[in-house]
């Protein structure tokens, strides 16, 4: 009886030391719960309710040592009290605490729409301190970019982190994750909702896969999307591209709302993309590896209307240093600069973008018919993809080593993983990461 009483007292004391979470109601409508570090905590789970809505999920520890839980589907009105129960796995025991949160007590931040003056910096991240998810949305999915890239995008500190004022988006082997190893990629289950509390894209088995139906994604990587958007303006990103075979980084933009139809009818702007291979030669002998960065501009139809590529810096390798990629986007043109060198210029005109009848906004009409579909709010994306079956790594090119899969192959993931002892030789430390000093979005 005495031992039971003592255990109860210890558990109660530990429960008291669980800090009250902070509730943030984000401008996107998401709920975010966060709380200070709990020394020795191994896992935090939460169950909460408001109104007639019940939710549950996990907390995930960020590099700032705080624990975060985010719910993209809560549809919280910012007014109701939230009742919660937090369960902490600590020293082999489960400690629980209960409480209530109200907007007035927790500093709920609801950001109203704002009219932005021309020349206003809408968003800037210098990546000082720990990575701050308040300005970004994580992609959490295995959908593969709709061309069966082999990575799973996850909000893991191994894949998205900051160091010395720089952001790193770094691909890692799935077998480095504690749930997976060389022996269970063909038998385990990858349930991203169970692992991270939510999944952002269920298409193409993006949220849950079973290894018995085909190998699980052999690589984990990162993709983040700015919560802020602009409609016409300047975007800058100072970044170093990754180096390593079959690595595919990108800095690009997509529309917040697909008012002209599904991708690509509502537009896409690619500020930078590259291949991490040192050798990727086409039939004419031109190399398209790390010595080159590309700038693509997509029309509303599924064709590339412009592609301009330039060789790298003096040593022919863009992965050795930071470079500044800048987009200048107005009603009259879309231009891309690299280190202030003018690389691409596309005029905004109906001759380029097709007939007006094809591009009528079903809600507002053609607000800026001259620039449509590039007359809407766009957000910024940073990501590092791996491989893919859309031909970005063509089968008939010559590489520094043989390409381990064929485009459109149904066994791409397995073929890629089987060849890991080849391509892993080219993956060295943080060289495989896209490293960024800052990003900035300015509204015109």
Protein backbone atom coordinates (compact mmCIF):
# COMPACT_ATOMS: atom_id res chain seq x y z
CA UNK A 1 0.00 0.00 0.00
CA UNK A 2 2.86 2.36 0.86
CA UNK A 3 4.54 1.71 -2.50
CA UNK A 4 1.30 2.37 -4.35
CA UNK A 5 0.84 5.62 -2.42
CA UNK A 6 4.42 6.72 -3.17
CA UNK A 7 4.00 5.95 -6.86
CA UNK A 8 0.81 7.99 -6.93
CA UNK A 9 2.58 10.93 -5.35
CA UNK A 10 5.43 10.75 -7.87
CA UNK A 11 3.00 10.56 -10.78
CA UNK A 12 1.07 13.54 -9.44
CA UNK A 13 4.23 15.55 -9.06
CA UNK A 14 5.28 14.77 -12.61
CA UNK A 15 1.84 15.71 -13.88
CA UNK A 16 2.08 19.09 -12.17
CA UNK A 17 5.35 19.72 -14.02
CA UNK A 18 3.74 19.29 -17.42
CA UNK A 19 3.43 22.88 -18.66
CA UNK A 20 0.18 24.26 -19.97
CA UNK A 21 0.21 24.26 -23.78
CA UNK A 22 0.00 27.45 -25.77
CA UNK A 23 -2.85 27.60 -28.26
CA UNK A 24 -2.30 29.41 -31.56
CA UNK A 25 -5.10 29.85 -34.08
CA UNK A 26 -3.20 30.43 -37.31
CA UNK A 27 -4.41 32.61 -40.17
CA UNK A 28 -4.74 29.45 -42.29
CA UNK A 29 -7.38 28.15 -39.85
CA UNK A 30 -5.01 25.55 -38.39
CA UNK A 31 -4.80 24.91 -34.67
CA UNK A 32 -1.32 24.69 -33.19
CA UNK A 33 -0.61 23.51 -29.66
CA UNK A 34 2.90 23.92 -28.30
CA UNK A 35 4.55 23.52 -24.93
CA UNK A 36 7.95 23.83 -23.34
CA UNK A 37 10.39 20.97 -23.23
CA UNK A 38 9.77 18.23 -20.67
CA UNK A 39 13.16 16.74 -19.74
CA UNK A 40 13.22 13.00 -20.37
CA UNK A 41 9.92 12.92 -22.26
CA UNK A 42 9.91 10.27 -24.97
CA UNK A 43 6.49 10.83 -26.52
CA UNK A 44 3.60 13.26 -26.10
CA UNK A 45 0.04 12.53 -27.21
CA UNK A 46 -2.95 14.83 -26.97
CA UNK A 47 -6.73 14.46 -27.13
CA UNK A 48 -8.90 17.58 -27.18
CA UNK A 49 -12.38 18.77 -27.98
CA UNK A 50 -14.30 21.98 -28.61
CA UNK A 51 -17.95 22.40 -29.50
CA UNK A 52 -18.98 19.02 -30.88
CA UNK A 53 -15.58 18.33 -32.41
CA UNK A 54 -13.11 15.76 -31.02
CA UNK A 55 -9.48 15.44 -32.10
CA UNK A 56 -6.34 13.59 -31.14
CA UNK A 57 -2.75 13.32 -32.32
CA UNK A 58 0.91 13.49 -31.40
CA UNK A 59 3.29 16.26 -30.44
CA UNK A 60 6.60 16.45 -32.31
CA UNK A 61 9.69 18.05 -30.85
CA UNK A 62 11.32 20.79 -32.91
CA UNK A 63 14.98 21.81 -32.84
CA UNK A 64 14.05 24.61 -30.41
CA UNK A 65 13.22 21.80 -27.88
CA UNK A 66 9.54 22.81 -27.76
CA UNK A 67 6.84 20.29 -28.62
CA UNK A 68 4.32 21.06 -31.38
CA UNK A 69 1.00 19.60 -32.51
CA UNK A 70 -0.80 21.04 -35.53
CA UNK A 71 -4.25 20.21 -36.86
CA UNK A 72 -5.07 21.23 -40.44
CA UNK A 73 -8.66 20.01 -40.31
CA UNK A 74 -9.94 21.31 -36.98
CA UNK A 75 -12.01 24.23 -38.40
CA UNK A 76 -11.68 26.06 -35.11
CA UNK A 77 -13.69 29.28 -34.82
CA UNK A 78 -11.24 30.96 -32.44
CA UNK A 79 -13.90 31.38 -29.73
CA UNK A 80 -14.73 28.02 -28.13
CA UNK A 81 -12.94 26.72 -25.07
CA UNK A 82 -10.73 23.72 -25.76
CA UNK A 83 -10.65 20.84 -23.27
CA UNK A 84 -7.49 18.80 -23.52
CA UNK A 85 -5.73 15.76 -22.09
CA UNK A 86 -1.97 15.39 -22.61
CA UNK A 87 -0.26 12.04 -22.10
CA UNK A 88 3.51 11.99 -21.63
CA UNK A 89 5.67 8.88 -21.87
CA UNK A 90 8.37 9.45 -19.27
CA UNK A 91 10.76 6.95 -17.67
CA UNK A 92 8.64 4.03 -18.81
CA UNK A 93 5.45 5.51 -17.34
CA UNK A 94 2.56 7.46 -18.81
CA UNK A 95 1.75 10.73 -17.07
CA UNK A 96 -1.47 12.59 -17.85
CA UNK A 97 -2.66 16.13 -17.32
CA UNK A 98 -5.98 17.75 -18.15
CA UNK A 99 -6.97 21.33 -18.68
CA UNK A 100 -8.86 23.95 -20.62
CA UNK A 101 -7.68 26.61 -23.01
CA UNK A 102 -9.54 29.75 -23.97
CA UNK A 103 -8.57 32.36 -26.58
CA UNK A 104 -8.35 35.10 -23.97
CA UNK A 105 -5.94 33.15 -21.79
CA UNK A 106 -3.62 31.79 -24.45
CA UNK A 107 -2.91 34.67 -26.78
CA UNK A 108 -4.67 33.26 -29.80
CA UNK A 109 -3.35 34.93 -32.95
CA UNK A 110 -5.93 35.35 -35.69
CA UNK A 111 -4.43 37.26 -38.58
CA UNK A 112 -7.02 39.17 -40.64
CA UNK A 113 -6.55 39.76 -44.36
CA UNK A 114 -4.54 42.90 -44.95
CA UNK A 115 -4.14 45.19 -47.91
CA UNK A 116 -0.46 45.39 -48.70
CA UNK A 117 1.18 48.51 -50.09
CA UNK A 118 3.45 48.29 -53.09
CA UNK A 119 7.02 47.55 -52.08
CA UNK A 120 6.05 45.97 -48.76
CA UNK A 121 8.07 42.96 -47.58
CA UNK A 122 5.30 40.45 -47.00
CA UNK A 123 7.52 37.67 -45.70
CA UNK A 124 11.19 37.22 -44.88
CA UNK A 125 12.94 34.38 -43.10
CA UNK A 126 16.63 34.66 -42.22
CA UNK A 127 16.55 31.25 -40.49
CA UNK A 128 18.19 32.61 -37.36
CA UNK A 129 17.58 30.33 -34.41
CA UNK A 130 15.49 27.18 -34.69
CA UNK A 131 13.34 26.61 -37.75
CA UNK A 132 10.08 28.44 -37.16
CA UNK A 133 7.03 26.65 -38.64
CA UNK A 134 4.86 29.73 -38.01
CA UNK A 135 5.80 31.04 -41.46
CA UNK A 136 5.64 27.77 -43.35
CA UNK A 137 3.40 24.80 -44.06
CA UNK A 138 5.06 21.39 -44.16
CA UNK A 139 4.25 18.94 -46.91
CA UNK A 140 3.60 15.58 -45.26
CA UNK A 141 2.98 12.98 -47.94
CA UNK A 142 4.40 10.13 -50.03
CA UNK A 143 2.51 11.12 -53.21
CA UNK A 144 5.80 11.64 -55.07
CA UNK A 145 5.12 14.95 -56.78
CA UNK A 146 2.70 13.17 -59.14
CA UNK A 147 5.61 11.57 -61.00
CA UNK A 148 6.50 8.88 -58.45
CA UNK A 149 9.52 10.55 -56.92
CA UNK A 150 10.90 8.14 -54.34
CA UNK A 151 10.90 10.38 -51.24
CA UNK A 152 8.41 10.81 -48.42
CA UNK A 153 8.07 14.45 -47.42
CA UNK A 154 8.07 14.65 -43.62
CA UNK A 155 8.22 17.42 -40.96
CA UNK A 156 11.22 15.82 -39.29
CA UNK A 157 14.12 17.74 -37.76
CA UNK A 158 16.50 15.37 -39.54
CA UNK A 159 15.21 16.67 -42.87
CA UNK A 160 14.32 20.31 -42.20
CA UNK A 161 16.51 22.19 -39.74
CA UNK A 162 18.56 25.32 -39.22
CA UNK A 163 22.20 25.77 -38.27
CA UNK A 164 24.28 28.95 -37.99
CA UNK A 165 21.58 31.05 -39.62
CA UNK A 166 21.03 28.74 -42.58
CA UNK A 167 18.12 26.47 -43.48
CA UNK A 168 18.89 22.90 -44.54
CA UNK A 169 16.45 20.71 -46.48
CA UNK A 170 18.23 17.38 -46.44
CA UNK A 171 17.26 13.96 -47.81
CA UNK A 172 18.01 11.02 -45.54
CA UNK A 173 17.54 7.28 -45.82
CA UNK A 174 14.25 6.00 -44.49
CA UNK A 175 16.27 3.31 -42.73
CA UNK A 176 17.76 6.09 -40.56
CA UNK A 177 14.30 6.57 -39.03
CA UNK A 178 13.85 4.52 -35.83
CA UNK A 179 10.75 2.75 -37.23
CA UNK A 180 12.47 1.34 -40.30
CA UNK A 181 15.51 -0.71 -41.29
CA UNK A 182 16.93 -2.61 -44.24
CA UNK A 183 14.84 -5.61 -43.35
CA UNK A 184 11.35 -4.10 -43.13
CA UNK A 185 10.96 -1.68 -46.05
CA UNK A 186 9.14 -4.49 -47.83
CA UNK A 187 6.99 -5.48 -44.86
CA UNK A 188 6.41 -2.51 -42.54
CA UNK A 189 3.69 0.12 -42.81
CA UNK A 190 4.32 3.84 -43.25
CA UNK A 191 1.36 5.75 -41.82
CA UNK A 192 2.25 9.44 -41.88
CA UNK A 193 -0.79 10.47 -39.84
CA UNK A 194 0.25 8.06 -37.09
CA UNK A 195 3.87 9.24 -37.29
CA UNK A 196 3.35 13.01 -37.52
CA UNK A 197 -0.26 13.73 -36.59
CA UNK A 198 -1.46 14.62 -40.09
CA UNK A 199 -0.97 14.03 -43.81
CA UNK A 200 -1.38 16.72 -46.46
CA UNK A 201 -1.94 14.71 -49.66
CA UNK A 202 -3.52 11.26 -49.83
CA UNK A 203 -3.29 10.96 -53.62
CA UNK A 204 -1.19 8.10 -55.00
CA UNK A 205 -1.14 6.36 -51.62
CA UNK A 206 0.38 9.49 -50.12
CA UNK A 207 -0.72 8.99 -46.50
CA UNK A 208 -0.34 5.27 -45.83
CA UNK A 209 1.51 2.47 -47.58
CA UNK A 210 2.30 -1.12 -46.77
CA UNK A 211 5.66 -2.52 -47.76
CA UNK A 212 4.10 -5.83 -48.78
CA UNK A 213 2.45 -4.01 -51.69
CA UNK A 214 5.76 -2.60 -52.88
CA UNK A 215 8.76 -1.14 -51.09
CA UNK A 216 8.15 1.89 -48.89
CA UNK A 217 9.72 5.20 -49.98
CA UNK A 218 13.43 4.60 -49.37
CA UNK A 219 14.22 8.29 -48.77
CA UNK A 220 12.74 10.94 -46.47
CA UNK A 221 13.09 14.59 -47.39
CA UNK A 222 11.55 18.03 -46.87
CA UNK A 223 9.17 20.38 -48.64
CA UNK A 224 7.94 23.65 -47.13
CA UNK A 225 5.43 26.17 -48.49
CA UNK A 226 5.18 29.79 -47.38
CA UNK A 227 1.95 30.74 -45.65
CA UNK A 228 2.26 34.25 -47.06
CA UNK A 229 1.40 34.89 -50.70
CA UNK A 230 1.92 37.70 -53.18
CA UNK A 231 0.22 38.82 -56.38
CA UNK A 232 2.93 40.45 -58.51
CA UNK A 233 6.17 41.24 -56.73
CA UNK A 234 9.75 40.23 -56.09
CA UNK A 235 10.93 36.96 -54.58
CA UNK A 236 14.51 36.30 -53.53
CA UNK A 237 16.14 33.15 -52.22
CA UNK A 238 19.85 32.86 -51.52
CA UNK A 239 20.66 29.17 -51.57
CA UNK A 240 23.24 26.51 -52.36
CA UNK A 241 22.01 23.58 -54.44
CA UNK A 242 22.60 19.97 -53.30
CA UNK A 243 25.19 17.62 -54.74
CA UNK A 244 24.54 13.88 -55.07
CA UNK A 245 23.16 11.56 -57.72
CA UNK A 246 19.42 11.74 -58.49
CA UNK A 247 18.79 14.68 -56.12
CA UNK A 248 16.31 17.22 -57.51
CA UNK A 249 15.96 20.54 -55.60
CA UNK A 250 13.57 23.31 -56.55
CA UNK A 251 12.59 26.87 -55.64
CA UNK A 252 9.22 27.57 -57.18
CA UNK A 253 5.72 29.02 -56.79
CA UNK A 254 2.15 27.79 -57.12
CA UNK A 255 -1.21 29.60 -56.92
CA UNK A 256 -3.03 29.65 -53.61
CA UNK A 257 -6.34 29.02 -55.39
CA UNK A 258 -6.67 27.09 -58.65
CA UNK A 259 -9.28 29.42 -60.12
CA UNK A 260 -8.38 28.54 -63.72
CA UNK A 261 -8.48 24.80 -63.13
CA UNK A 262 -6.22 22.08 -61.82
CA UNK A 263 -2.48 22.05 -62.37
CA UNK A 264 -1.01 23.33 -64.61
CA UNK A 265 -3.91 25.47 -65.90
CA UNK A 266 -3.64 27.90 -62.98
CA UNK A 267 0.09 28.43 -63.52
CA UNK A 268 3.47 27.52 -62.05
CA UNK A 269 6.68 29.54 -61.84
CA UNK A 270 9.99 27.75 -61.28
CA UNK A 271 12.78 30.03 -60.10
CA UNK A 272 15.39 27.27 -59.86
CA UNK A 273 15.76 23.54 -60.25
CA UNK A 274 18.79 21.36 -60.78
CA UNK A 275 20.15 17.84 -60.85
CA UNK A 276 22.66 16.75 -58.21
CA UNK A 277 24.62 14.49 -60.56
CA UNK A 278 28.10 15.63 -61.52
CA UNK A 279 27.55 14.14 -64.99
CA UNK A 280 24.22 14.17 -66.84
CA UNK A 281 25.07 14.46 -70.54
CA UNK A 282 22.53 14.57 -73.33
CA UNK A 283 23.05 13.09 -76.79
CA UNK A 284 24.97 16.18 -77.90
CA UNK A 285 27.42 15.89 -75.03
CA UNK A 286 26.06 18.84 -73.05
CA UNK A 287 26.19 18.36 -69.30
CA UNK A 288 23.03 19.13 -67.29
CA UNK A 289 24.24 18.19 -63.80
CA UNK A 290 25.37 20.42 -60.93
CA UNK A 291 27.09 22.69 -63.47
CA UNK A 292 23.64 23.94 -64.50
CA UNK A 293 20.51 25.42 -62.97
CA UNK A 294 17.23 25.68 -64.82
CA UNK A 295 14.40 28.21 -64.82
CA UNK A 296 11.06 26.98 -66.12
CA UNK A 297 7.86 28.87 -66.68
CA UNK A 298 4.61 26.98 -67.12
CA UNK A 299 1.63 28.10 -69.14
CA UNK A 300 -1.93 27.07 -68.29
CA UNK A 301 -1.49 24.24 -70.78
CA UNK A 302 0.78 21.27 -69.95
CA UNK A 303 3.78 22.53 -71.91
CA UNK A 304 6.92 24.40 -70.93
CA UNK A 305 6.85 27.75 -72.70
CA UNK A 306 10.36 28.73 -71.74
CA UNK A 307 13.47 27.02 -70.45
CA UNK A 308 16.72 28.91 -70.08
CA UNK A 309 19.83 27.28 -68.66
CA UNK A 310 23.25 28.69 -67.95
CA UNK A 311 26.52 27.09 -66.93
CA UNK A 312 27.60 27.43 -63.34
CA UNK A 313 30.12 29.66 -61.63
CA UNK A 314 33.81 29.74 -62.46
CA UNK A 315 34.51 26.17 -61.42
CA UNK A 316 31.41 24.92 -63.23
CA UNK A 317 29.60 23.70 -60.12
CA UNK A 318 26.65 25.56 -58.57
CA UNK A 319 26.72 23.36 -55.46
CA UNK A 320 29.93 24.86 -54.04
CA UNK A 321 28.50 28.23 -52.97
CA UNK A 322 25.38 30.28 -52.31
CA UNK A 323 23.71 32.05 -55.22
CA UNK A 324 20.84 34.54 -55.18
CA UNK A 325 17.80 33.57 -57.23
CA UNK A 326 15.37 36.43 -57.85
CA UNK A 327 11.97 36.58 -59.47
CA UNK A 328 10.58 39.88 -60.79
CA UNK A 329 6.87 39.40 -61.53
CA UNK A 330 4.65 42.18 -62.82
CA UNK A 331 1.52 42.49 -64.92
CA UNK A 332 3.84 42.96 -67.92
CA UNK A 333 6.50 40.29 -67.46
CA UNK A 334 8.01 37.43 -65.46
CA UNK A 335 11.80 37.68 -65.17
CA UNK A 336 14.38 35.55 -63.33
CA UNK A 337 17.83 36.72 -62.22
CA UNK A 338 20.72 34.74 -60.77
CA UNK A 339 23.28 36.82 -58.87
CA UNK A 340 21.77 39.88 -60.60
CA UNK A 341 22.36 38.33 -64.04
CA UNK A 342 19.22 38.51 -66.18
CA UNK A 343 18.46 34.89 -67.11
CA UNK A 344 14.86 34.75 -68.27
CA UNK A 345 12.25 37.19 -69.57
CA UNK A 346 8.70 36.22 -70.50
CA UNK A 347 6.22 38.92 -71.50
CA UNK A 348 2.73 38.63 -70.06
CA UNK A 349 0.49 38.63 -73.11
CA UNK A 350 -2.40 36.73 -74.59
CA UNK A 351 -0.13 35.65 -77.46
CA UNK A 352 1.86 33.69 -74.90
CA UNK A 353 -0.85 32.48 -72.56
CA UNK A 354 -3.66 31.53 -74.96
CA UNK A 355 -7.19 32.73 -75.58
CA UNK A 356 -9.11 34.76 -73.04
CA UNK A 357 -12.06 32.38 -73.30
CA UNK A 358 -9.92 29.62 -71.83
CA UNK A 359 -8.95 31.69 -68.80
CA UNK A 360 -12.06 33.27 -67.32
CA UNK A 361 -12.08 33.34 -63.55
CA UNK A 362 -15.36 31.58 -62.67
CA UNK A 363 -15.79 33.75 -59.56
CA UNK A 364 -14.35 37.18 -60.30
CA UNK A 365 -14.02 37.18 -64.07
CA UNK A 366 -10.72 37.95 -65.78
CA UNK A 367 -9.26 40.43 -63.25
CA UNK A 368 -6.04 40.90 -65.22
CA UNK A 369 -6.68 39.09 -68.51
CA UNK A 370 -3.31 40.17 -69.87
CA UNK A 371 -1.45 38.28 -67.13
CA UNK A 372 -3.79 35.34 -66.49
CA UNK A 373 -3.23 32.80 -65.08
CA UNK A 374 -0.40 34.71 -63.37
CA UNK A 375 -2.71 37.33 -61.89
CA UNK A 376 -3.53 35.56 -58.61
CA UNK A 377 -1.91 35.03 -55.23
CA UNK A 378 1.09 32.64 -55.35
CA UNK A 379 3.09 31.09 -52.50
CA UNK A 380 6.75 30.06 -52.37
CA UNK A 381 7.95 26.43 -52.19
CA UNK A 382 11.34 25.00 -51.24
CA UNK A 383 11.85 21.27 -51.62
CA UNK A 384 14.35 18.52 -52.37
CA UNK A 385 12.93 15.62 -54.39
CA UNK A 386 14.62 12.38 -55.38
CA UNK A 387 14.43 10.59 -58.77
CA UNK A 388 11.02 10.35 -60.52
CA UNK A 389 9.49 8.84 -63.64
CA UNK A 390 8.58 11.99 -65.59
CA UNK A 391 11.84 12.09 -67.56
CA UNK A 392 13.63 14.82 -65.59
CA UNK A 393 16.47 12.28 -65.51
CA UNK A 394 16.15 10.96 -69.10
CA UNK A 395 16.87 7.31 -69.77
CA UNK A 396 19.05 8.03 -72.81
CA UNK A 397 21.47 10.43 -71.12
CA UNK A 398 24.93 9.47 -69.92
CA UNK A 399 25.53 9.74 -66.16
CA UNK A 400 28.52 9.24 -63.90
CA UNK A 401 26.93 5.89 -63.11
CA UNK A 402 24.13 3.91 -64.73
CA UNK A 403 20.64 5.16 -64.01
CA UNK A 404 19.10 2.42 -61.83
CA UNK A 405 15.49 2.73 -63.04
CA UNK A 406 13.61 3.42 -66.25
CA UNK A 407 11.14 6.27 -66.62
CA UNK A 408 7.58 5.00 -66.15
CA UNK A 409 8.92 1.83 -64.52
CA UNK A 410 6.43 0.26 -62.06
CA UNK A 411 9.37 -0.94 -59.93
CA UNK A 412 11.20 2.38 -59.72
CA UNK A 413 11.37 2.55 -55.91
CA UNK A 414 12.72 -0.99 -55.59
CA UNK A 415 15.19 -0.51 -58.45
CA UNK A 416 16.39 2.73 -56.90
CA UNK A 417 16.87 1.14 -53.47
CA UNK A 418 18.64 -1.91 -54.92
CA UNK A 419 21.25 0.44 -56.41
CA UNK A 420 21.86 2.33 -53.15
CA UNK A 421 25.48 1.18 -52.83
CA UNK A 422 26.16 3.07 -56.07
CA UNK A 423 24.40 6.39 -55.53
CA UNK A 424 25.13 6.55 -51.80
CA UNK A 425 28.80 6.89 -52.70
CA UNK A 426 27.94 10.36 -54.09
CA UNK A 427 25.91 11.48 -51.04
CA UNK A 428 28.25 13.17 -48.55
CA UNK A 429 27.07 14.78 -45.32
CA UNK A 430 25.23 18.07 -45.71
CA UNK A 431 26.33 18.37 -49.34
CA UNK A 432 23.08 16.59 -50.20
CA UNK A 433 21.01 19.39 -48.61
CA UNK A 434 19.67 22.53 -50.22
CA UNK A 435 21.08 25.20 -47.93
CA UNK A 436 19.49 28.67 -47.80
CA UNK A 437 20.64 31.87 -46.14
CA UNK A 438 17.32 33.74 -46.48
CA UNK A 439 14.12 34.08 -48.50
CA UNK A 440 12.13 37.26 -49.02
CA UNK A 441 8.79 38.02 -50.69
CA UNK A 442 7.96 41.63 -51.61
CA UNK A 443 4.56 42.76 -52.85
CA UNK A 444 4.51 45.15 -55.84
